Amino acid sequence: MPLFRKAQFFTTVAHLRDLPPESVAEVAFAGRSNAGKSSAINTLADHTRLAFVSKTPGRTQHLNYFQLAAGKFLVDLPGYGYAKAPEEVRDAWEGLIGPYLEGRMPLKGVVLIMDSRHPLTELDVQLIEWFAPTGKPIHILLTKADKLTRQQQAQTLRDVRAALAELGEQCSVQLFSSLKKTGIEVAEGVLGKWLDLAPAVAPAAPAKRVLAPGEKRNPELAARLAARKAAKRTSGAKEKAPGKGGTGG
């Protein structure tokens, strides 16, 4: 039986004061709009309509709690990166999601959803760098892996691991496909361990690694990270939550 099959909708939270006090452990799902977050949640829960995609991208601004067991929850965060989202919605993202990720004690880690065809966008990197100081783990699901060939899957995984090695040791990453139902057991192993519901499966490999002789990183990812480092050195500005890019369901 899938680890999260018993997941049931629990509550929707619009304000920090409404966060469930009975929670002892929770895992948050974050990611850009249209990266496949809702599909990933539904696949892990073996449920076709547990998590819904917003009918109006960029408007969702609530946290949806799904109970897995007594005091243990999966939390679906609003998607980010939808440029047409109203300014007040983007501000609400920062006002709610930012403090939640920074200070929520029961939060054990973040599952970051990325489209495997477009991994580590600027906002993805921003979220990783912004959340890293909490010291809590980040597990990345490279979704829609079925749209890549096996060779492309392997190369994408290598590229992302190499890039993540510069962002933090607490990151792990895997391929995932809701359509083909692949990557479920690995994800269950990671999330189950965080929630103390772990099945006996091997965890995903950590992102930290050393490039083999002659191996090259994805030039687009490398250039993006290098430019970001240079900008941080010159500006010295404090990073903000990626809500300024907008939100989505």
C-alpha atoms as a PDB file:
ATOM      1  CA  MET A   1       0.000   0.000   0.000  1.00  0.00           C
ATOM      2  CA  PRO A   2       1.372   3.457  -0.891  1.00  0.00           C
ATOM      3  CA  LEU A   3       2.672   5.239   2.175  1.00  0.00           C
ATOM      4  CA  PHE A   4       0.307   8.184   1.764  1.00  0.00           C
ATOM      5  CA  ARG A   5      -2.805   6.355   0.545  1.00  0.00           C
ATOM      6  CA  LYS A   6      -4.752   7.302   3.675  1.00  0.00           C
ATOM      7  CA  ALA A   7      -4.170  11.019   3.093  1.00  0.00           C
ATOM      8  CA  GLN A   8      -7.328  13.062   3.600  1.00  0.00           C
ATOM      9  CA  PHE A   9      -8.043  16.756   3.256  1.00  0.00           C
ATOM     10  CA  PHE A  10      -7.820  18.387   6.693  1.00  0.00           C
ATOM     11  CA  THR A  11      -8.034  22.175   6.401  1.00  0.00           C
ATOM     12  CA  THR A  12      -7.169  25.274   4.374  1.00  0.00           C
ATOM     13  CA  VAL A  13      -5.063  27.943   6.051  1.00  0.00           C
ATOM     14  CA  ALA A  14      -5.191  31.598   5.010  1.00  0.00           C
ATOM     15  CA  HIS A  15      -3.494  33.109   8.079  1.00  0.00           C
ATOM     16  CA  LEU A  16      -0.591  32.021  10.274  1.00  0.00           C
ATOM     17  CA  ARG A  17      -2.862  32.084  13.303  1.00  0.00           C
ATOM     18  CA  ASP A  18      -4.918  29.267  11.748  1.00  0.00           C
ATOM     19  CA  LEU A  19      -2.062  26.749  11.456  1.00  0.00           C
ATOM     20  CA  PRO A  20      -3.115  23.424  13.046  1.00  0.00           C
ATOM     21  CA  PRO A  21      -1.834  23.337  16.638  1.00  0.00           C
ATOM     22  CA  GLU A  22      -2.102  19.547  16.758  1.00  0.00           C
ATOM     23  CA  SER A  23       0.559  19.070  14.075  1.00  0.00           C
ATOM     24  CA  VAL A  24       3.762  17.360  15.229  1.00  0.00           C
ATOM     25  CA  ALA A  25       5.319  16.720  11.810  1.00  0.00           C
ATOM     26  CA  GLU A  26       4.602  18.045   8.343  1.00  0.00           C
ATOM     27  CA  VAL A  27       6.174  18.094   4.888  1.00  0.00           C
ATOM     28  CA  ALA A  28       5.557  21.027   2.539  1.00  0.00           C
ATOM     29  CA  PHE A  29       5.307  20.747  -1.254  1.00  0.00           C
ATOM     30  CA  ALA A  30       6.471  23.820  -3.183  1.00  0.00           C
ATOM     31  CA  GLY A  31       7.207  24.609  -6.808  1.00  0.00           C
ATOM     32  CA  ARG A  32       6.535  26.759  -9.831  1.00  0.00           C
ATOM     33  CA  SER A  33       3.069  26.874 -11.336  1.00  0.00           C
ATOM     34  CA  ASN A  34       2.528  24.077 -13.870  1.00  0.00           C
ATOM     35  CA  ALA A  35       5.555  22.076 -12.700  1.00  0.00           C
ATOM     36  CA  GLY A  36       3.334  19.127 -11.767  1.00  0.00           C
ATOM     37  CA  LYS A  37       2.974  19.651  -8.011  1.00  0.00           C
ATOM     38  CA  SER A  38      -0.674  18.625  -7.742  1.00  0.00           C
ATOM     39  CA  SER A  39      -0.092  15.579  -9.931  1.00  0.00           C
ATOM     40  CA  ALA A  40       2.864  14.517  -7.779  1.00  0.00           C
ATOM     41  CA  ILE A  41       0.799  14.789  -4.591  1.00  0.00           C
ATOM     42  CA  ASN A  42      -2.057  12.820  -6.135  1.00  0.00           C
ATOM     43  CA  THR A  43       0.333  10.140  -7.370  1.00  0.00           C
ATOM     44  CA  LEU A  44       2.003   9.699  -3.988  1.00  0.00           C
ATOM     45  CA  ALA A  45      -1.415   9.485  -2.333  1.00  0.00           C
ATOM     46  CA  ASP A  46      -2.700   7.124  -5.046  1.00  0.00           C
ATOM     47  CA  HIS A  47      -5.638   9.486  -5.447  1.00  0.00           C
ATOM     48  CA  THR A  48      -6.778  11.196  -8.634  1.00  0.00           C
ATOM     49  CA  ARG A  49      -8.352  14.291  -7.082  1.00  0.00           C
ATOM     50  CA  LEU A  50      -6.796  14.874  -3.657  1.00  0.00           C
ATOM     51  CA  ALA A  51      -4.932  18.029  -4.712  1.00  0.00           C
ATOM     52  CA  PHE A  52      -6.554  20.334  -7.265  1.00  0.00           C
ATOM     53  CA  VAL A  53      -4.965  22.617  -9.826  1.00  0.00           C
ATOM     54  CA  SER A  54      -6.222  26.170  -9.513  1.00  0.00           C
ATOM     55  CA  LYS A  55      -8.713  27.086 -12.245  1.00  0.00           C
ATOM     56  CA  THR A  56      -7.210  30.579 -12.250  1.00  0.00           C
ATOM     57  CA  PRO A  57      -3.391  30.283 -12.214  1.00  0.00           C
ATOM     58  CA  GLY A  58      -1.776  32.838  -9.968  1.00  0.00           C
ATOM     59  CA  ARG A  59      -4.735  33.275  -7.621  1.00  0.00           C
ATOM     60  CA  THR A  60      -4.214  30.536  -5.049  1.00  0.00           C
ATOM     61  CA  GLN A  61      -2.738  31.894  -1.827  1.00  0.00           C
ATOM     62  CA  HIS A  62      -3.681  29.341   0.835  1.00  0.00           C
ATOM     63  CA  LEU A  63      -1.968  26.372   2.465  1.00  0.00           C
ATOM     64  CA  ASN A  64      -3.877  23.113   2.035  1.00  0.00           C
ATOM     65  CA  TYR A  65      -3.316  20.537   4.781  1.00  0.00           C
ATOM     66  CA  PHE A  66      -3.775  16.805   4.170  1.00  0.00           C
ATOM     67  CA  GLN A  67      -3.615  14.468   7.161  1.00  0.00           C
ATOM     68  CA  LEU A  68      -1.512  11.309   6.768  1.00  0.00           C
ATOM     69  CA  ALA A  69      -1.725  10.024  10.345  1.00  0.00           C
ATOM     70  CA  ALA A  70      -2.382  11.464  13.784  1.00  0.00           C
ATOM     71  CA  GLY A  71      -0.510  14.781  13.965  1.00  0.00           C
ATOM     72  CA  LYS A  72       1.279  14.232  10.637  1.00  0.00           C
ATOM     73  CA  PHE A  73       0.493  16.259   7.548  1.00  0.00           C
ATOM     74  CA  LEU A  74       1.346  16.943   3.934  1.00  0.00           C
ATOM     75  CA  VAL A  75       1.071  20.671   3.158  1.00  0.00           C
ATOM     76  CA  ASP A  76       0.385  21.891  -0.377  1.00  0.00           C
ATOM     77  CA  LEU A  77       1.817  25.403  -0.816  1.00  0.00           C
ATOM     78  CA  PRO A  78       0.706  27.841  -3.526  1.00  0.00           C
ATOM     79  CA  GLY A  79       2.711  27.619  -6.717  1.00  0.00           C
ATOM     80  CA  TYR A  80       5.025  30.507  -7.547  1.00  0.00           C
ATOM     81  CA  GLY A  81       6.281  32.145 -10.692  1.00  0.00           C
ATOM     82  CA  TYR A  82       3.041  33.140 -12.417  1.00  0.00           C
ATOM     83  CA  ALA A  83       3.877  36.599 -13.742  1.00  0.00           C
ATOM     84  CA  LYS A  84       0.269  37.735 -14.200  1.00  0.00           C
ATOM     85  CA  ALA A  85      -0.680  37.228 -10.564  1.00  0.00           C
ATOM     86  CA  PRO A  86      -2.058  40.407  -8.971  1.00  0.00           C
ATOM     87  CA  GLU A  87       0.368  42.322  -6.775  1.00  0.00           C
ATOM     88  CA  GLU A  88      -1.746  41.759  -3.663  1.00  0.00           C
ATOM     89  CA  VAL A  89      -1.633  37.991  -4.238  1.00  0.00           C
ATOM     90  CA  ARG A  90       2.142  38.050  -4.609  1.00  0.00           C
ATOM     91  CA  ASP A  91       2.417  40.078  -1.418  1.00  0.00           C
ATOM     92  CA  ALA A  92       0.166  37.579   0.343  1.00  0.00           C
ATOM     93  CA  TRP A  93       2.513  34.774  -0.755  1.00  0.00           C
ATOM     94  CA  GLU A  94       5.399  36.455   1.008  1.00  0.00           C
ATOM     95  CA  GLY A  95       3.294  37.359   4.029  1.00  0.00           C
ATOM     96  CA  LEU A  96       2.038  33.808   4.592  1.00  0.00           C
ATOM     97  CA  ILE A  97       4.428  31.345   2.969  1.00  0.00           C
ATOM     98  CA  GLY A  98       7.615  33.161   3.921  1.00  0.00           C
ATOM     99  CA  PRO A  99       7.014  33.150   7.682  1.00  0.00           C
ATOM    100  CA  TYR A 100       5.622  29.614   7.464  1.00  0.00           C
ATOM    101  CA  LEU A 101       8.748  28.176   5.842  1.00  0.00           C
ATOM    102  CA  GLU A 102      11.099  30.169   8.052  1.00  0.00           C
ATOM    103  CA  GLY A 103       9.503  29.540  11.422  1.00  0.00           C
ATOM    104  CA  ARG A 104       7.112  26.576  11.379  1.00  0.00           C
ATOM    105  CA  MET A 105       8.506  24.208  14.023  1.00  0.00           C
ATOM    106  CA  PRO A 106       6.698  20.991  12.932  1.00  0.00           C
ATOM    107  CA  LEU A 107       7.964  21.455   9.353  1.00  0.00           C
ATOM    108  CA  LYS A 108      10.462  18.646   8.700  1.00  0.00           C
ATOM    109  CA  GLY A 109      11.447  19.547   5.162  1.00  0.00           C
ATOM    110  CA  VAL A 110      10.371  20.838   1.756  1.00  0.00           C
ATOM    111  CA  VAL A 111       9.644  18.852  -1.385  1.00  0.00           C
ATOM    112  CA  LEU A 112      10.529  21.118  -4.293  1.00  0.00           C
ATOM    113  CA  ILE A 113       8.805  20.254  -7.566  1.00  0.00           C
ATOM    114  CA  MET A 114      10.660  21.032 -10.797  1.00  0.00           C
ATOM    115  CA  ASP A 115       9.783  20.223 -14.385  1.00  0.00           C
ATOM    116  CA  SER A 116      12.638  17.942 -15.477  1.00  0.00           C
ATOM    117  CA  ARG A 117      12.753  19.742 -18.831  1.00  0.00           C
ATOM    118  CA  HIS A 118      13.339  23.118 -17.140  1.00  0.00           C
ATOM    119  CA  PRO A 119      15.057  22.475 -13.788  1.00  0.00           C
ATOM    120  CA  LEU A 120      16.546  25.026 -11.414  1.00  0.00           C
ATOM    121  CA  THR A 121      14.893  28.162 -12.691  1.00  0.00           C
ATOM    122  CA  GLU A 122      15.860  31.451 -11.073  1.00  0.00           C
ATOM    123  CA  LEU A 123      12.956  31.221  -8.626  1.00  0.00           C
ATOM    124  CA  ASP A 124      13.784  27.601  -7.761  1.00  0.00           C
ATOM    125  CA  VAL A 125      17.345  28.574  -6.900  1.00  0.00           C
ATOM    126  CA  GLN A 126      16.051  31.551  -4.949  1.00  0.00           C
ATOM    127  CA  LEU A 127      13.802  29.336  -2.836  1.00  0.00           C
ATOM    128  CA  ILE A 128      16.631  26.871  -2.140  1.00  0.00           C
ATOM    129  CA  GLU A 129      19.035  29.619  -1.067  1.00  0.00           C
ATOM    130  CA  TRP A 130      16.363  31.306   0.986  1.00  0.00           C
ATOM    131  CA  PHE A 131      15.236  28.121   2.798  1.00  0.00           C
ATOM    132  CA  ALA A 132      18.738  26.662   3.304  1.00  0.00           C
ATOM    133  CA  PRO A 133      19.543  28.689   6.471  1.00  0.00           C
ATOM    134  CA  THR A 134      16.817  26.772   8.338  1.00  0.00           C
ATOM    135  CA  GLY A 135      19.042  23.702   8.133  1.00  0.00           C
ATOM    136  CA  LYS A 136      16.070  21.561   7.127  1.00  0.00           C
ATOM    137  CA  PRO A 137      16.279  19.206   4.123  1.00  0.00           C
ATOM    138  CA  ILE A 138      15.015  19.837   0.617  1.00  0.00           C
ATOM    139  CA  HIS A 139      14.064  16.926  -1.630  1.00  0.00           C
ATOM    140  CA  ILE A 140      13.625  17.712  -5.311  1.00  0.00           C
ATOM    141  CA  LEU A 141      11.270  15.811  -7.588  1.00  0.00           C
ATOM    142  CA  LEU A 142      12.189  16.237 -11.254  1.00  0.00           C
ATOM    143  CA  THR A 143       8.687  15.696 -12.591  1.00  0.00           C
ATOM    144  CA  LYS A 144       7.445  14.782 -16.075  1.00  0.00           C
ATOM    145  CA  ALA A 145      10.513  12.583 -16.508  1.00  0.00           C
ATOM    146  CA  ASP A 146       8.528  10.470 -18.979  1.00  0.00           C
ATOM    147  CA  LYS A 147       8.886  13.307 -21.480  1.00  0.00           C
ATOM    148  CA  LEU A 148      12.663  12.749 -21.597  1.00  0.00           C
ATOM    149  CA  THR A 149      14.594   9.868 -23.123  1.00  0.00           C
ATOM    150  CA  ARG A 150      16.572   7.673 -20.740  1.00  0.00           C
ATOM    151  CA  GLN A 151      19.758   9.383 -21.854  1.00  0.00           C
ATOM    152  CA  GLN A 152      18.231  12.805 -21.240  1.00  0.00           C
ATOM    153  CA  GLN A 153      16.972  11.689 -17.826  1.00  0.00           C
ATOM    154  CA  ALA A 154      20.437  10.548 -16.768  1.00  0.00           C
ATOM    155  CA  GLN A 155      22.082  13.729 -18.053  1.00  0.00           C
ATOM    156  CA  THR A 156      19.508  15.983 -16.383  1.00  0.00           C
ATOM    157  CA  LEU A 157      19.974  14.197 -13.072  1.00  0.00           C
ATOM    158  CA  ARG A 158      23.765  14.594 -13.315  1.00  0.00           C
ATOM    159  CA  ASP A 159      23.482  18.270 -14.221  1.00  0.00           C
ATOM    160  CA  VAL A 160      21.091  19.084 -11.394  1.00  0.00           C
ATOM    161  CA  ARG A 161      23.167  17.197  -8.821  1.00  0.00           C
ATOM    162  CA  ALA A 162      26.282  19.043  -9.927  1.00  0.00           C
ATOM    163  CA  ALA A 163      24.533  22.409  -9.693  1.00  0.00           C
ATOM    164  CA  LEU A 164      22.957  21.617  -6.319  1.00  0.00           C
ATOM    165  CA  ALA A 165      26.350  20.739  -4.860  1.00  0.00           C
ATOM    166  CA  GLU A 166      27.040  24.480  -4.796  1.00  0.00           C
ATOM    167  CA  LEU A 167      23.727  25.355  -3.150  1.00  0.00           C
ATOM    168  CA  GLY A 168      23.669  23.183  -0.059  1.00  0.00           C
ATOM    169  CA  GLU A 169      24.373  19.734   1.298  1.00  0.00           C
ATOM    170  CA  GLN A 170      20.816  19.302   2.557  1.00  0.00           C
ATOM    171  CA  CYS A 171      19.447  18.840  -0.986  1.00  0.00           C
ATOM    172  CA  SER A 172      18.601  15.465  -2.518  1.00  0.00           C
ATOM    173  CA  VAL A 173      17.082  14.892  -5.956  1.00  0.00           C
ATOM    174  CA  GLN A 174      15.350  12.204  -7.996  1.00  0.00           C
ATOM    175  CA  LEU A 175      13.433  11.670 -11.220  1.00  0.00           C
ATOM    176  CA  PHE A 176       9.657  11.342 -10.971  1.00  0.00           C
ATOM    177  CA  SER A 177       6.778  10.672 -13.350  1.00  0.00           C
ATOM    178  CA  SER A 178       3.128  10.817 -12.359  1.00  0.00           C
ATOM    179  CA  LEU A 179       2.120   9.399 -15.737  1.00  0.00           C
ATOM    180  CA  LYS A 180       4.395   6.348 -15.579  1.00  0.00           C
ATOM    181  CA  LYS A 181       4.201   6.024 -11.763  1.00  0.00           C
ATOM    182  CA  THR A 182       7.994   6.006 -11.478  1.00  0.00           C
ATOM    183  CA  GLY A 183      10.004   7.327  -8.545  1.00  0.00           C
ATOM    184  CA  ILE A 184       7.238   6.719  -6.011  1.00  0.00           C
ATOM    185  CA  GLU A 185       9.165   4.325  -3.755  1.00  0.00           C
ATOM    186  CA  VAL A 186      12.220   6.567  -3.565  1.00  0.00           C
ATOM    187  CA  ALA A 187      10.083   9.582  -2.680  1.00  0.00           C
ATOM    188  CA  GLU A 188       8.215   7.555  -0.060  1.00  0.00           C
ATOM    189  CA  GLY A 189      11.519   6.525   1.478  1.00  0.00           C
ATOM    190  CA  VAL A 190      12.644  10.122   1.889  1.00  0.00           C
ATOM    191  CA  LEU A 191       9.360  11.599   3.077  1.00  0.00           C
ATOM    192  CA  GLY A 192       8.500   8.640   5.262  1.00  0.00           C
ATOM    193  CA  LYS A 193      11.785   9.069   7.091  1.00  0.00           C
ATOM    194  CA  TRP A 194      11.099  12.753   7.677  1.00  0.00           C
ATOM    195  CA  LEU A 195       7.678  11.932   9.111  1.00  0.00           C
ATOM    196  CA  ASP A 196       8.763   8.781  10.937  1.00  0.00           C
ATOM    197  CA  LEU A 197       6.573   6.713   8.617  1.00  0.00           C
ATOM    198  CA  ALA A 198       9.466   5.302   6.618  1.00  0.00           C
ATOM    199  CA  PRO A 199       9.037   2.148   4.527  1.00  0.00           C
ATOM    200  CA  ALA A 200      12.075  -0.069   4.029  1.00  0.00           C
ATOM    201  CA  VAL A 201      13.370   1.392   0.760  1.00  0.00           C
ATOM    202  CA  ALA A 202      16.617   3.041  -0.247  1.00  0.00           C
ATOM    203  CA  PRO A 203      16.704   6.853   0.072  1.00  0.00           C
ATOM    204  CA  ALA A 204      17.509   9.172  -2.795  1.00  0.00           C
ATOM    205  CA  ALA A 205      21.164   9.953  -3.305  1.00  0.00           C
ATOM    206  CA  PRO A 206      22.314  13.316  -1.922  1.00  0.00           C
ATOM    207  CA  ALA A 207      23.089  16.041  -4.386  1.00  0.00           C
ATOM    208  CA  LYS A 208      26.704  16.520  -3.339  1.00  0.00           C
ATOM    209  CA  ARG A 209      29.134  14.916  -5.774  1.00  0.00           C
ATOM    210  CA  VAL A 210      32.402  15.479  -7.648  1.00  0.00           C
ATOM    211  CA  LEU A 211      32.434  15.734 -11.415  1.00  0.00           C
ATOM    212  CA  ALA A 212      34.208  12.906 -13.192  1.00  0.00           C
ATOM    213  CA  PRO A 213      37.226  13.767 -15.382  1.00  0.00           C
ATOM    214  CA  GLY A 214      35.996  15.309 -18.592  1.00  0.00           C
ATOM    215  CA  GLU A 215      32.411  15.633 -17.355  1.00  0.00           C
ATOM    216  CA  LYS A 216      30.792  18.971 -18.124  1.00  0.00           C
ATOM    217  CA  ARG A 217      27.977  20.667 -16.326  1.00  0.00           C
ATOM    218  CA  ASN A 218      24.929  21.906 -18.106  1.00  0.00           C
ATOM    219  CA  PRO A 219      26.185  25.263 -19.448  1.00  0.00           C
ATOM    220  CA  GLU A 220      22.820  26.971 -18.913  1.00  0.00           C
ATOM    221  CA  LEU A 221      22.669  25.929 -15.252  1.00  0.00           C
ATOM    222  CA  ALA A 222      26.315  26.791 -14.683  1.00  0.00           C
ATOM    223  CA  ALA A 223      25.919  30.230 -16.269  1.00  0.00           C
ATOM    224  CA  ARG A 224      22.767  30.923 -14.263  1.00  0.00           C
ATOM    225  CA  LEU A 225      24.428  30.050 -10.959  1.00  0.00           C
ATOM    226  CA  ALA A 226      27.578  32.006 -11.807  1.00  0.00           C
ATOM    227  CA  ALA A 227      25.543  35.094 -12.681  1.00  0.00           C
ATOM    228  CA  ARG A 228      23.582  34.768  -9.461  1.00  0.00           C
ATOM    229  CA  LYS A 229      26.773  34.543  -7.389  1.00  0.00           C
ATOM    230  CA  ALA A 230      28.162  37.648  -9.085  1.00  0.00           C
ATOM    231  CA  ALA A 231      24.948  39.579  -8.482  1.00  0.00           C
ATOM    232  CA  LYS A 232      24.923  38.640  -4.802  1.00  0.00           C
ATOM    233  CA  ARG A 233      28.519  39.775  -4.375  1.00  0.00           C
ATOM    234  CA  THR A 234      27.846  43.166  -5.928  1.00  0.00           C
ATOM    235  CA  SER A 235      24.453  43.903  -4.399  1.00  0.00           C
ATOM    236  CA  GLY A 236      24.751  42.323  -0.971  1.00  0.00           C
ATOM    237  CA  ALA A 237      20.948  42.458  -0.916  1.00  0.00           C
ATOM    238  CA  LYS A 238      18.976  40.128   1.309  1.00  0.00           C
ATOM    239  CA  GLU A 239      17.151  37.406  -0.621  1.00  0.00           C
ATOM    240  CA  LYS A 240      13.376  37.517  -0.598  1.00  0.00           C
ATOM    241  CA  ALA A 241      10.905  34.677  -0.869  1.00  0.00           C
ATOM    242  CA  PRO A 242      10.128  33.796  -4.504  1.00  0.00           C
ATOM    243  CA  GLY A 243       6.600  35.109  -4.128  1.00  0.00           C
ATOM    244  CA  LYS A 244       7.432  38.213  -6.143  1.00  0.00           C
ATOM    245  CA  GLY A 245       7.262  36.025  -9.215  1.00  0.00           C
ATOM    246  CA  GLY A 246       3.593  35.328  -8.524  1.00  0.00           C
ATOM    247  CA  THR A 247       1.610  32.361  -7.298  1.00  0.00           C
ATOM    248  CA  GLY A 248      -0.426  29.613  -8.805  1.00  0.00           C
ATOM    249  CA  GLY A 249      -2.337  26.514  -7.870  1.00  0.00           C
END
